[in-house]
Amino acid sequence: MNSSLGVSFIEDTESISTNSYDDRFTTIAIGYEYRSGRHGWLAEIHRYAGLVSWDENFSDASHEALLGYRYYLNTSAIEFTLVENFANMDNSADIAYTLGYRHKF
């Protein structure tokens, strides 16, 4: 079981755009990995707060479900994930595939 909570603060939004942005951005996630030997199966839920107030699509929170597979090597792992946006389909990609490499230092 894993979880994540994050808060980002934005001081100067002029460098991003002439439109106004919220000064705070929050993220929360919870997930589970079933691991058997070198194989891991992932399931996660992510929620990202809306960042702007001037656009109806990006002012609402983004909700994503992630399913994935991770193969563990000695000091690294290769993973493939599928991320699906749900609840508000207009504020991020509907579906995304990722291929990643993790290395333990």
C-alpha atoms as a PDB file:
ATOM      1  CA  MET A   1       0.000   0.000   0.000  1.00  0.00           C
ATOM      2  CA  ASN A   2       1.338   3.451  -0.827  1.00  0.00           C
ATOM      3  CA  SER A   3       0.004   6.982  -0.666  1.00  0.00           C
ATOM      4  CA  SER A   4       1.070  10.467  -1.620  1.00  0.00           C
ATOM      5  CA  LEU A   5       0.003  13.979  -0.678  1.00  0.00           C
ATOM      6  CA  GLY A   6       1.502  17.046  -2.294  1.00  0.00           C
ATOM      7  CA  VAL A   7       1.047  20.799  -2.220  1.00  0.00           C
ATOM      8  CA  SER A   8       2.704  23.183  -4.668  1.00  0.00           C
ATOM      9  CA  PHE A   9       2.793  26.930  -4.128  1.00  0.00           C
ATOM     10  CA  ILE A  10       3.053  29.419  -6.977  1.00  0.00           C
ATOM     11  CA  GLU A  11       4.370  32.896  -6.113  1.00  0.00           C
ATOM     12  CA  ASP A  12       4.676  34.559  -9.500  1.00  0.00           C
ATOM     13  CA  THR A  13       2.228  33.415 -12.180  1.00  0.00           C
ATOM     14  CA  GLU A  14       3.119  36.162 -14.648  1.00  0.00           C
ATOM     15  CA  SER A  15       5.880  34.013 -16.099  1.00  0.00           C
ATOM     16  CA  ILE A  16       3.337  31.260 -16.832  1.00  0.00           C
ATOM     17  CA  SER A  17       0.577  33.316 -18.450  1.00  0.00           C
ATOM     18  CA  THR A  18      -1.254  36.616 -18.338  1.00  0.00           C
ATOM     19  CA  ASN A  19      -4.264  34.768 -16.906  1.00  0.00           C
ATOM     20  CA  SER A  20      -4.532  34.296 -13.141  1.00  0.00           C
ATOM     21  CA  TYR A  21      -3.717  30.957 -11.519  1.00  0.00           C
ATOM     22  CA  ASP A  22      -4.503  29.653  -8.069  1.00  0.00           C
ATOM     23  CA  ASP A  23      -1.596  30.183  -5.695  1.00  0.00           C
ATOM     24  CA  ARG A  24      -1.782  26.596  -4.420  1.00  0.00           C
ATOM     25  CA  PHE A  25      -2.105  23.215  -6.144  1.00  0.00           C
ATOM     26  CA  THR A  26      -2.833  19.954  -4.298  1.00  0.00           C
ATOM     27  CA  THR A  27      -2.422  16.320  -5.277  1.00  0.00           C
ATOM     28  CA  ILE A  28      -3.490  13.176  -3.466  1.00  0.00           C
ATOM     29  CA  ALA A  29      -2.967   9.546  -4.486  1.00  0.00           C
ATOM     30  CA  ILE A  30      -3.421   6.101  -3.042  1.00  0.00           C
ATOM     31  CA  GLY A  31      -2.255   2.830  -4.529  1.00  0.00           C
ATOM     32  CA  TYR A  32      -1.482  -0.814  -4.060  1.00  0.00           C
ATOM     33  CA  GLU A  33       1.140  -3.109  -5.559  1.00  0.00           C
ATOM     34  CA  TYR A  34       0.846  -6.886  -5.523  1.00  0.00           C
ATOM     35  CA  ARG A  35       4.340  -8.305  -5.844  1.00  0.00           C
ATOM     36  CA  SER A  36       5.282 -11.896  -6.589  1.00  0.00           C
ATOM     37  CA  GLY A  37       8.981 -12.505  -7.117  1.00  0.00           C
ATOM     38  CA  ARG A  38      10.197 -10.102  -9.806  1.00  0.00           C
ATOM     39  CA  HIS A  39       6.663  -9.222 -10.955  1.00  0.00           C
ATOM     40  CA  GLY A  40       4.507  -6.399  -9.601  1.00  0.00           C
ATOM     41  CA  TRP A  41       0.933  -5.414 -10.477  1.00  0.00           C
ATOM     42  CA  LEU A  42      -0.061  -1.810  -9.743  1.00  0.00           C
ATOM     43  CA  ALA A  43      -3.412  -0.129  -9.074  1.00  0.00           C
ATOM     44  CA  GLU A  44      -3.622   3.552  -8.121  1.00  0.00           C
ATOM     45  CA  ILE A  45      -6.108   6.426  -7.896  1.00  0.00           C
ATOM     46  CA  HIS A  46      -4.894  10.039  -8.344  1.00  0.00           C
ATOM     47  CA  ARG A  47      -6.683  13.352  -7.749  1.00  0.00           C
ATOM     48  CA  TYR A  48      -5.206  16.647  -8.923  1.00  0.00           C
ATOM     49  CA  ALA A  49      -6.864  19.916  -7.875  1.00  0.00           C
ATOM     50  CA  GLY A  50      -7.904  22.425 -10.516  1.00  0.00           C
ATOM     51  CA  LEU A  51      -5.293  25.108 -11.125  1.00  0.00           C
ATOM     52  CA  VAL A  52      -7.236  27.922 -12.767  1.00  0.00           C
ATOM     53  CA  SER A  53     -10.551  29.650 -12.229  1.00  0.00           C
ATOM     54  CA  TRP A  54     -10.974  31.178 -15.700  1.00  0.00           C
ATOM     55  CA  ASP A  55     -11.510  27.901 -17.612  1.00  0.00           C
ATOM     56  CA  GLU A  56     -14.340  25.544 -16.675  1.00  0.00           C
ATOM     57  CA  ASN A  57     -12.444  22.410 -17.776  1.00  0.00           C
ATOM     58  CA  PHE A  58      -9.221  23.100 -15.880  1.00  0.00           C
ATOM     59  CA  SER A  59     -10.843  24.552 -12.768  1.00  0.00           C
ATOM     60  CA  ASP A  60     -12.345  21.174 -11.827  1.00  0.00           C
ATOM     61  CA  ALA A  61     -10.271  18.435 -10.269  1.00  0.00           C
ATOM     62  CA  SER A  62      -8.754  15.703 -12.437  1.00  0.00           C
ATOM     63  CA  HIS A  63      -9.313  12.091 -11.347  1.00  0.00           C
ATOM     64  CA  GLU A  64      -7.182   9.299 -12.772  1.00  0.00           C
ATOM     65  CA  ALA A  65      -7.034   5.535 -12.361  1.00  0.00           C
ATOM     66  CA  LEU A  66      -3.756   3.755 -13.073  1.00  0.00           C
ATOM     67  CA  LEU A  67      -3.159   0.074 -13.787  1.00  0.00           C
ATOM     68  CA  GLY A  68       0.313  -1.233 -14.434  1.00  0.00           C
ATOM     69  CA  TYR A  69       2.888  -3.963 -14.486  1.00  0.00           C
ATOM     70  CA  ARG A  70       6.423  -3.666 -13.078  1.00  0.00           C
ATOM     71  CA  TYR A  71       9.257  -6.123 -13.673  1.00  0.00           C
ATOM     72  CA  TYR A  72      12.037  -5.909 -11.061  1.00  0.00           C
ATOM     73  CA  LEU A  73      15.695  -6.323 -11.935  1.00  0.00           C
ATOM     74  CA  ASN A  74      18.520  -6.372  -9.343  1.00  0.00           C
ATOM     75  CA  THR A  75      18.760  -2.575  -8.793  1.00  0.00           C
ATOM     76  CA  SER A  76      16.109  -1.310 -11.190  1.00  0.00           C
ATOM     77  CA  ALA A  77      12.670  -1.968 -12.644  1.00  0.00           C
ATOM     78  CA  ILE A  78      10.881  -1.609 -15.951  1.00  0.00           C
ATOM     79  CA  GLU A  79       7.211  -0.688 -15.829  1.00  0.00           C
ATOM     80  CA  PHE A  80       4.293  -0.260 -18.185  1.00  0.00           C
ATOM     81  CA  THR A  81       1.221   1.662 -17.047  1.00  0.00           C
ATOM     82  CA  LEU A  82      -2.184   2.629 -18.376  1.00  0.00           C
ATOM     83  CA  VAL A  83      -3.695   5.853 -16.984  1.00  0.00           C
ATOM     84  CA  GLU A  84      -7.402   6.571 -17.513  1.00  0.00           C
ATOM     85  CA  ASN A  85      -9.027   9.905 -16.766  1.00  0.00           C
ATOM     86  CA  PHE A  86     -12.507   9.647 -15.257  1.00  0.00           C
ATOM     87  CA  ALA A  87     -15.096  11.997 -13.690  1.00  0.00           C
ATOM     88  CA  ASN A  88     -14.043  15.048 -15.770  1.00  0.00           C
ATOM     89  CA  MET A  89     -13.019  14.025 -19.268  1.00  0.00           C
ATOM     90  CA  ASP A  90     -12.125  17.514 -20.517  1.00  0.00           C
ATOM     91  CA  ASN A  91      -9.133  18.406 -18.334  1.00  0.00           C
ATOM     92  CA  SER A  92      -6.496  15.817 -19.242  1.00  0.00           C
ATOM     93  CA  ALA A  93      -5.811  13.046 -21.734  1.00  0.00           C
ATOM     94  CA  ASP A  94      -8.558  10.420 -21.705  1.00  0.00           C
ATOM     95  CA  ILE A  95      -6.053   7.589 -21.720  1.00  0.00           C
ATOM     96  CA  ALA A  96      -2.271   7.454 -21.558  1.00  0.00           C
ATOM     97  CA  TYR A  97       0.274   4.659 -21.815  1.00  0.00           C
ATOM     98  CA  THR A  98       3.693   4.962 -20.212  1.00  0.00           C
ATOM     99  CA  LEU A  99       6.852   2.905 -20.361  1.00  0.00           C
ATOM    100  CA  GLY A 100       9.248   3.667 -17.544  1.00  0.00           C
ATOM    101  CA  TYR A 101      12.595   2.678 -16.126  1.00  0.00           C
ATOM    102  CA  ARG A 102      13.373   2.999 -12.410  1.00  0.00           C
ATOM    103  CA  HIS A 103      16.845   2.763 -10.938  1.00  0.00           C
ATOM    104  CA  LYS A 104      17.718   2.474  -7.254  1.00  0.00           C
ATOM    105  CA  PHE A 105      20.742   4.544  -6.256  1.00  0.00           C
END
